Amino acid sequence: MSENIPEAEEAPPWRSDMGVPEPEVTCYPPGKAPGLAVYVQGRWRYALVRMRHTWADGRVAYHVSIRLPRPSECSYARAYWWDQPGVQQVHPPGDRRRATARKPIDGI
């Protein structure tokens, strides 16, 4: 499944000079956050959602904690646009046991 999937596109942080209203922010408390599979550096990685930013034009960016291999396997804060092939839901908010990905996810 992974061979034709493009790397997940990161979302930029909102800035007042962007000319668009500040996004609506939803924060997820510990134990209630949804999980995503994000395709980064050639493989699927599990990412725990910390915040959802809903932009005025309808775009959604998820701010996540994700483990990346540089310089060591540490957790990093990143934001990724929703509704792209390289970002898939693994479980909904508050249910880490239930996998609900749109497609099977290998490697996470």
C-alpha atoms as a PDB file:
ATOM      1  CA  MET A   1       0.000   0.000   0.000  1.00  0.00           C
ATOM      2  CA  SER A   2       2.823   2.453   0.790  1.00  0.00           C
ATOM      3  CA  GLU A   3       4.759   2.417  -2.469  1.00  0.00           C
ATOM      4  CA  ASN A   4       2.606   5.042  -4.248  1.00  0.00           C
ATOM      5  CA  ILE A   5       1.688   7.223  -1.303  1.00  0.00           C
ATOM      6  CA  PRO A   6       3.239  10.698  -1.202  1.00  0.00           C
ATOM      7  CA  GLU A   7       4.813  11.975   1.996  1.00  0.00           C
ATOM      8  CA  ALA A   8       2.301  13.716   4.269  1.00  0.00           C
ATOM      9  CA  GLU A   9       2.230  17.479   3.735  1.00  0.00           C
ATOM     10  CA  GLU A  10       2.816  19.563   6.839  1.00  0.00           C
ATOM     11  CA  ALA A  11       0.528  22.488   7.601  1.00  0.00           C
ATOM     12  CA  PRO A  12       2.169  25.823   8.405  1.00  0.00           C
ATOM     13  CA  PRO A  13       1.416  27.559  11.682  1.00  0.00           C
ATOM     14  CA  TRP A  14      -1.205  30.299  11.458  1.00  0.00           C
ATOM     15  CA  ARG A  15       0.169  33.849  11.475  1.00  0.00           C
ATOM     16  CA  SER A  16      -1.724  37.137  11.545  1.00  0.00           C
ATOM     17  CA  ASP A  17       0.043  38.287   8.345  1.00  0.00           C
ATOM     18  CA  MET A  18      -1.487  35.390   6.334  1.00  0.00           C
ATOM     19  CA  GLY A  19      -4.589  37.449   5.611  1.00  0.00           C
ATOM     20  CA  VAL A  20      -6.996  34.790   6.898  1.00  0.00           C
ATOM     21  CA  PRO A  21      -8.886  34.609  10.203  1.00  0.00           C
ATOM     22  CA  GLU A  22      -7.360  32.643  13.062  1.00  0.00           C
ATOM     23  CA  PRO A  23      -8.438  28.979  12.901  1.00  0.00           C
ATOM     24  CA  GLU A  24     -10.944  27.531  15.341  1.00  0.00           C
ATOM     25  CA  VAL A  25      -9.007  25.319  17.765  1.00  0.00           C
ATOM     26  CA  THR A  26     -10.185  22.095  19.403  1.00  0.00           C
ATOM     27  CA  CYS A  27      -7.887  20.628  22.083  1.00  0.00           C
ATOM     28  CA  TYR A  28      -7.975  16.950  23.041  1.00  0.00           C
ATOM     29  CA  PRO A  29      -7.293  16.030  26.670  1.00  0.00           C
ATOM     30  CA  PRO A  30      -5.067  13.046  27.505  1.00  0.00           C
ATOM     31  CA  GLY A  31      -6.891   9.764  26.944  1.00  0.00           C
ATOM     32  CA  LYS A  32      -9.484  11.347  24.655  1.00  0.00           C
ATOM     33  CA  ALA A  33      -7.353  12.163  21.604  1.00  0.00           C
ATOM     34  CA  PRO A  34      -7.805  10.543  18.192  1.00  0.00           C
ATOM     35  CA  GLY A  35      -4.897   8.715  16.581  1.00  0.00           C
ATOM     36  CA  LEU A  36      -3.596   9.065  13.040  1.00  0.00           C
ATOM     37  CA  ALA A  37      -1.288   7.130  10.768  1.00  0.00           C
ATOM     38  CA  VAL A  38       1.039   9.564   8.988  1.00  0.00           C
ATOM     39  CA  TYR A  39       3.255   8.557   6.058  1.00  0.00           C
ATOM     40  CA  VAL A  40       6.644  10.201   6.749  1.00  0.00           C
ATOM     41  CA  GLN A  41      10.144   9.315   5.568  1.00  0.00           C
ATOM     42  CA  GLY A  42       8.941   6.279   3.641  1.00  0.00           C
ATOM     43  CA  ARG A  43       6.891   4.599   6.350  1.00  0.00           C
ATOM     44  CA  TRP A  44       3.674   4.860   8.335  1.00  0.00           C
ATOM     45  CA  ARG A  45       4.032   6.337  11.818  1.00  0.00           C
ATOM     46  CA  TYR A  46       1.515   6.576  14.621  1.00  0.00           C
ATOM     47  CA  ALA A  47       0.629  10.142  15.655  1.00  0.00           C
ATOM     48  CA  LEU A  48      -1.461  11.193  18.647  1.00  0.00           C
ATOM     49  CA  VAL A  49      -3.603  14.265  17.963  1.00  0.00           C
ATOM     50  CA  ARG A  50      -3.199  17.152  20.410  1.00  0.00           C
ATOM     51  CA  MET A  51      -5.224  19.835  18.577  1.00  0.00           C
ATOM     52  CA  ARG A  52      -7.449  20.279  15.543  1.00  0.00           C
ATOM     53  CA  HIS A  53      -7.315  23.616  13.699  1.00  0.00           C
ATOM     54  CA  THR A  54     -10.298  24.316  11.450  1.00  0.00           C
ATOM     55  CA  TRP A  55      -9.423  27.118   9.040  1.00  0.00           C
ATOM     56  CA  ALA A  56     -12.019  29.611   7.731  1.00  0.00           C
ATOM     57  CA  ASP A  57     -11.737  28.143   4.210  1.00  0.00           C
ATOM     58  CA  GLY A  58     -12.702  24.684   5.542  1.00  0.00           C
ATOM     59  CA  ARG A  59      -9.240  23.111   5.625  1.00  0.00           C
ATOM     60  CA  VAL A  60      -8.346  21.104   8.725  1.00  0.00           C
ATOM     61  CA  ALA A  61      -4.897  20.667  10.219  1.00  0.00           C
ATOM     62  CA  TYR A  62      -4.143  18.193  12.997  1.00  0.00           C
ATOM     63  CA  HIS A  63      -1.364  19.076  15.441  1.00  0.00           C
ATOM     64  CA  VAL A  64       0.178  15.819  16.606  1.00  0.00           C
ATOM     65  CA  SER A  65       2.931  14.198  18.611  1.00  0.00           C
ATOM     66  CA  ILE A  66       4.837  11.877  16.281  1.00  0.00           C
ATOM     67  CA  ARG A  67       8.016   9.822  16.663  1.00  0.00           C
ATOM     68  CA  LEU A  68      10.573  10.590  13.966  1.00  0.00           C
ATOM     69  CA  PRO A  69      14.010   9.025  13.497  1.00  0.00           C
ATOM     70  CA  ARG A  70      16.081  12.209  13.604  1.00  0.00           C
ATOM     71  CA  PRO A  71      18.413  12.542  15.429  1.00  0.00           C
ATOM     72  CA  SER A  72      16.983   9.740  17.557  1.00  0.00           C
ATOM     73  CA  GLU A  73      13.555   8.181  17.958  1.00  0.00           C
ATOM     74  CA  CYS A  74      12.068  11.160  19.787  1.00  0.00           C
ATOM     75  CA  SER A  75       8.576  12.625  19.749  1.00  0.00           C
ATOM     76  CA  TYR A  76       8.131  15.801  17.758  1.00  0.00           C
ATOM     77  CA  ALA A  77       5.257  18.255  17.424  1.00  0.00           C
ATOM     78  CA  ARG A  78       4.060  18.544  13.821  1.00  0.00           C
ATOM     79  CA  ALA A  79       0.897  19.681  12.016  1.00  0.00           C
ATOM     80  CA  TYR A  80      -0.502  17.848   8.987  1.00  0.00           C
ATOM     81  CA  TRP A  81      -3.343  18.712   6.638  1.00  0.00           C
ATOM     82  CA  TRP A  82      -6.303  16.366   6.786  1.00  0.00           C
ATOM     83  CA  ASP A  83      -7.754  14.561   3.787  1.00  0.00           C
ATOM     84  CA  GLN A  84      -4.568  13.556   2.012  1.00  0.00           C
ATOM     85  CA  PRO A  85      -3.427   9.995   1.229  1.00  0.00           C
ATOM     86  CA  GLY A  86      -0.542  10.152   3.711  1.00  0.00           C
ATOM     87  CA  VAL A  87      -2.773  10.922   6.722  1.00  0.00           C
ATOM     88  CA  GLN A  88      -5.331   8.335   7.859  1.00  0.00           C
ATOM     89  CA  GLN A  89      -7.432   7.899  10.993  1.00  0.00           C
ATOM     90  CA  VAL A  90      -6.423   4.962  13.194  1.00  0.00           C
ATOM     91  CA  HIS A  91      -8.908   5.500  16.031  1.00  0.00           C
ATOM     92  CA  PRO A  92     -11.530   8.119  16.888  1.00  0.00           C
ATOM     93  CA  PRO A  93     -11.363  10.398  19.947  1.00  0.00           C
ATOM     94  CA  GLY A  94     -11.420   8.495  23.227  1.00  0.00           C
ATOM     95  CA  ASP A  95     -11.137   4.996  21.727  1.00  0.00           C
ATOM     96  CA  ARG A  96      -7.538   3.844  21.249  1.00  0.00           C
ATOM     97  CA  ARG A  97      -8.625   0.212  20.867  1.00  0.00           C
ATOM     98  CA  ARG A  98     -10.869   0.657  17.827  1.00  0.00           C
ATOM     99  CA  ALA A  99      -9.148   0.936  14.440  1.00  0.00           C
ATOM    100  CA  THR A 100     -11.278   2.837  11.935  1.00  0.00           C
ATOM    101  CA  ALA A 101      -8.831   3.668   9.181  1.00  0.00           C
ATOM    102  CA  ARG A 102     -10.315   4.228   5.726  1.00  0.00           C
ATOM    103  CA  LYS A 103      -7.777   1.717   4.366  1.00  0.00           C
ATOM    104  CA  PRO A 104      -5.616  -0.936   6.041  1.00  0.00           C
ATOM    105  CA  ILE A 105      -2.468   0.628   7.429  1.00  0.00           C
ATOM    106  CA  ASP A 106       0.729  -1.440   7.268  1.00  0.00           C
ATOM    107  CA  GLY A 107       3.685  -0.805   9.524  1.00  0.00           C
ATOM    108  CA  ILE A 108       2.156   1.001  12.502  1.00  0.00           C
END
